[in-house]
């Protein structure tokens, strides 16, 4: 228990030095809502869940390089990452207030988005995959 409190205090001291704006964070750490299973950036931000800001990396990803293959293990935040990128390309500036991306981006434009969620089914045959792709790509 003592070790956990020391670790917590070290984290809070570090976070305070890094951000300088964590008074509310320190006061509310015991009542924070943790986003267990939350995969949608918009609901995560609007419903007040804790969020570790990595949006600077998204800004760098979008503004440098060409193509990326995002390979991560299961349950490692791929859906949340893509949902965050989707909100960014939809121009939802209000969701990024207080985050690095909100300060970095100057022109909030909307772009057409093709978002295929393949988490909802089992695609063990070519026919099942073709059916879901056809359904999503119908114009």
Protein backbone atom coordinates (compact mmCIF):
# COMPACT_ATOMS: atom_id res chain seq x y z
CA UNK A 1 0.00 0.00 0.00
CA UNK A 2 2.79 2.41 0.94
CA UNK A 3 4.60 1.60 -2.31
CA UNK A 4 1.46 2.36 -4.31
CA UNK A 5 1.10 5.75 -2.60
CA UNK A 6 4.75 6.57 -3.29
CA UNK A 7 4.30 5.59 -6.93
CA UNK A 8 1.14 7.71 -7.14
CA UNK A 9 2.92 10.71 -5.60
CA UNK A 10 5.89 10.33 -7.94
CA UNK A 11 3.52 10.22 -10.89
CA UNK A 12 1.65 13.30 -9.70
CA UNK A 13 4.91 15.20 -9.16
CA UNK A 14 6.14 14.22 -12.62
CA UNK A 15 2.81 15.06 -14.26
CA UNK A 16 2.71 18.42 -12.47
CA UNK A 17 6.19 19.27 -13.74
CA UNK A 18 5.38 18.20 -17.28
CA UNK A 19 2.02 19.86 -17.61
CA UNK A 20 1.91 22.49 -14.91
CA UNK A 21 -1.87 22.40 -15.16
CA UNK A 22 -2.86 19.32 -13.22
CA UNK A 23 -4.39 20.71 -10.05
CA UNK A 24 -7.80 19.37 -11.01
CA UNK A 25 -6.22 16.09 -12.08
CA UNK A 26 -4.56 15.59 -8.67
CA UNK A 27 -7.75 16.49 -6.80
CA UNK A 28 -9.93 14.21 -8.92
CA UNK A 29 -7.64 11.23 -9.39
CA UNK A 30 -9.69 9.05 -7.04
CA UNK A 31 -12.97 9.89 -8.80
CA UNK A 32 -11.76 9.71 -12.41
CA UNK A 33 -13.75 7.68 -14.87
CA UNK A 34 -11.48 5.17 -16.56
CA UNK A 35 -12.31 4.39 -20.21
CA UNK A 36 -12.35 0.61 -19.96
CA UNK A 37 -13.68 -0.69 -23.28
CA UNK A 38 -14.38 2.80 -24.68
CA UNK A 39 -13.40 2.81 -28.34
CA UNK A 40 -14.97 6.05 -29.53
CA UNK A 41 -13.00 9.25 -29.02
CA UNK A 42 -16.07 11.49 -29.12
CA UNK A 43 -17.86 9.68 -26.29
CA UNK A 44 -14.62 9.42 -24.32
CA UNK A 45 -14.16 13.21 -24.42
CA UNK A 46 -17.80 14.23 -24.02
CA UNK A 47 -18.50 11.83 -21.13
CA UNK A 48 -15.48 12.99 -19.12
CA UNK A 49 -13.28 9.90 -19.15
CA UNK A 50 -9.58 10.09 -18.33
CA UNK A 51 -7.50 10.43 -21.48
CA UNK A 52 -3.73 10.34 -21.92
CA UNK A 53 -3.04 12.92 -24.59
CA UNK A 54 -1.09 11.44 -27.48
CA UNK A 55 -2.64 13.68 -30.10
CA UNK A 56 0.70 15.31 -30.90
CA UNK A 57 1.68 11.96 -32.42
CA UNK A 58 -1.46 12.00 -34.56
CA UNK A 59 -0.60 15.49 -35.78
CA UNK A 60 2.92 14.31 -36.67
CA UNK A 61 1.55 11.17 -38.34
CA UNK A 62 -0.86 13.16 -40.50
CA UNK A 63 1.57 15.92 -41.44
CA UNK A 64 4.67 13.83 -42.18
CA UNK A 65 5.25 10.75 -44.26
CA UNK A 66 2.96 9.10 -46.74
CA UNK A 67 1.54 5.68 -45.87
CA UNK A 68 1.40 3.87 -42.56
CA UNK A 69 0.56 0.34 -41.55
CA UNK A 70 -0.74 0.51 -37.98
CA UNK A 71 0.04 -2.86 -36.46
CA UNK A 72 -0.65 -3.32 -32.76
CA UNK A 73 -1.64 -6.27 -30.58
CA UNK A 74 -5.27 -7.02 -29.73
CA UNK A 75 -6.87 -4.71 -27.16
CA UNK A 76 -4.12 -2.14 -27.65
CA UNK A 77 -6.12 0.92 -28.73
CA UNK A 78 -6.32 0.61 -32.54
CA UNK A 79 -10.03 1.43 -32.64
CA UNK A 80 -9.64 4.43 -30.33
CA UNK A 81 -6.70 5.69 -32.39
CA UNK A 82 -8.70 5.46 -35.62
CA UNK A 83 -11.72 7.05 -33.97
CA UNK A 84 -9.50 9.94 -32.86
CA UNK A 85 -8.11 10.34 -36.37
CA UNK A 86 -11.67 10.24 -37.72
CA UNK A 87 -12.76 13.06 -35.38
CA UNK A 88 -9.70 15.04 -36.49
CA UNK A 89 -10.54 14.66 -40.19
CA UNK A 90 -14.19 15.49 -39.50
CA UNK A 91 -12.93 18.83 -38.16
CA UNK A 92 -14.36 18.37 -34.64
CA UNK A 93 -12.18 21.03 -33.06
CA UNK A 94 -14.19 21.12 -29.82
CA UNK A 95 -13.17 17.54 -28.99
CA UNK A 96 -9.49 18.53 -29.05
CA UNK A 97 -9.72 21.56 -26.75
CA UNK A 98 -7.06 21.24 -24.07
CA UNK A 99 -5.15 18.61 -26.05
CA UNK A 100 -1.92 19.01 -28.01
CA UNK A 101 -3.69 18.67 -31.36
CA UNK A 102 -6.05 21.49 -30.46
CA UNK A 103 -3.09 23.82 -30.09
CA UNK A 104 -1.10 22.47 -33.04
CA UNK A 105 -3.74 22.51 -35.76
CA UNK A 106 -4.46 25.92 -37.26
CA UNK A 107 -6.93 25.10 -40.04
CA UNK A 108 -9.71 22.75 -39.05
CA UNK A 109 -11.01 21.36 -42.30
CA UNK A 110 -13.45 18.55 -42.96
CA UNK A 111 -12.47 15.71 -45.26
CA UNK A 112 -14.51 12.85 -46.74
CA UNK A 113 -13.99 9.71 -44.67
CA UNK A 114 -14.40 6.05 -45.51
CA UNK A 115 -14.60 4.27 -42.15
CA UNK A 116 -15.01 0.52 -42.23
CA UNK A 117 -15.57 -1.15 -38.87
CA UNK A 118 -14.73 -4.82 -39.33
CA UNK A 119 -15.04 -5.64 -35.61
CA UNK A 120 -18.71 -6.55 -35.90
CA UNK A 121 -18.53 -9.85 -37.75
CA UNK A 122 -16.65 -12.99 -38.52
CA UNK A 123 -14.98 -13.07 -41.89
CA UNK A 124 -13.87 -16.66 -42.29
CA UNK A 125 -14.94 -16.94 -45.92
CA UNK A 126 -14.45 -14.76 -48.96
CA UNK A 127 -18.23 -14.47 -49.33
CA UNK A 128 -18.75 -13.04 -45.82
CA UNK A 129 -16.02 -10.46 -46.33
CA UNK A 130 -17.30 -9.54 -49.81
CA UNK A 131 -20.83 -9.12 -48.42
CA UNK A 132 -19.81 -6.66 -45.69
CA UNK A 133 -17.56 -4.69 -48.04
CA UNK A 134 -20.31 -4.47 -50.66
CA UNK A 135 -22.80 -3.32 -48.04
CA UNK A 136 -20.45 -0.59 -46.76
CA UNK A 137 -19.30 0.59 -50.18
CA UNK A 138 -22.77 0.95 -51.73
CA UNK A 139 -23.34 4.44 -53.02
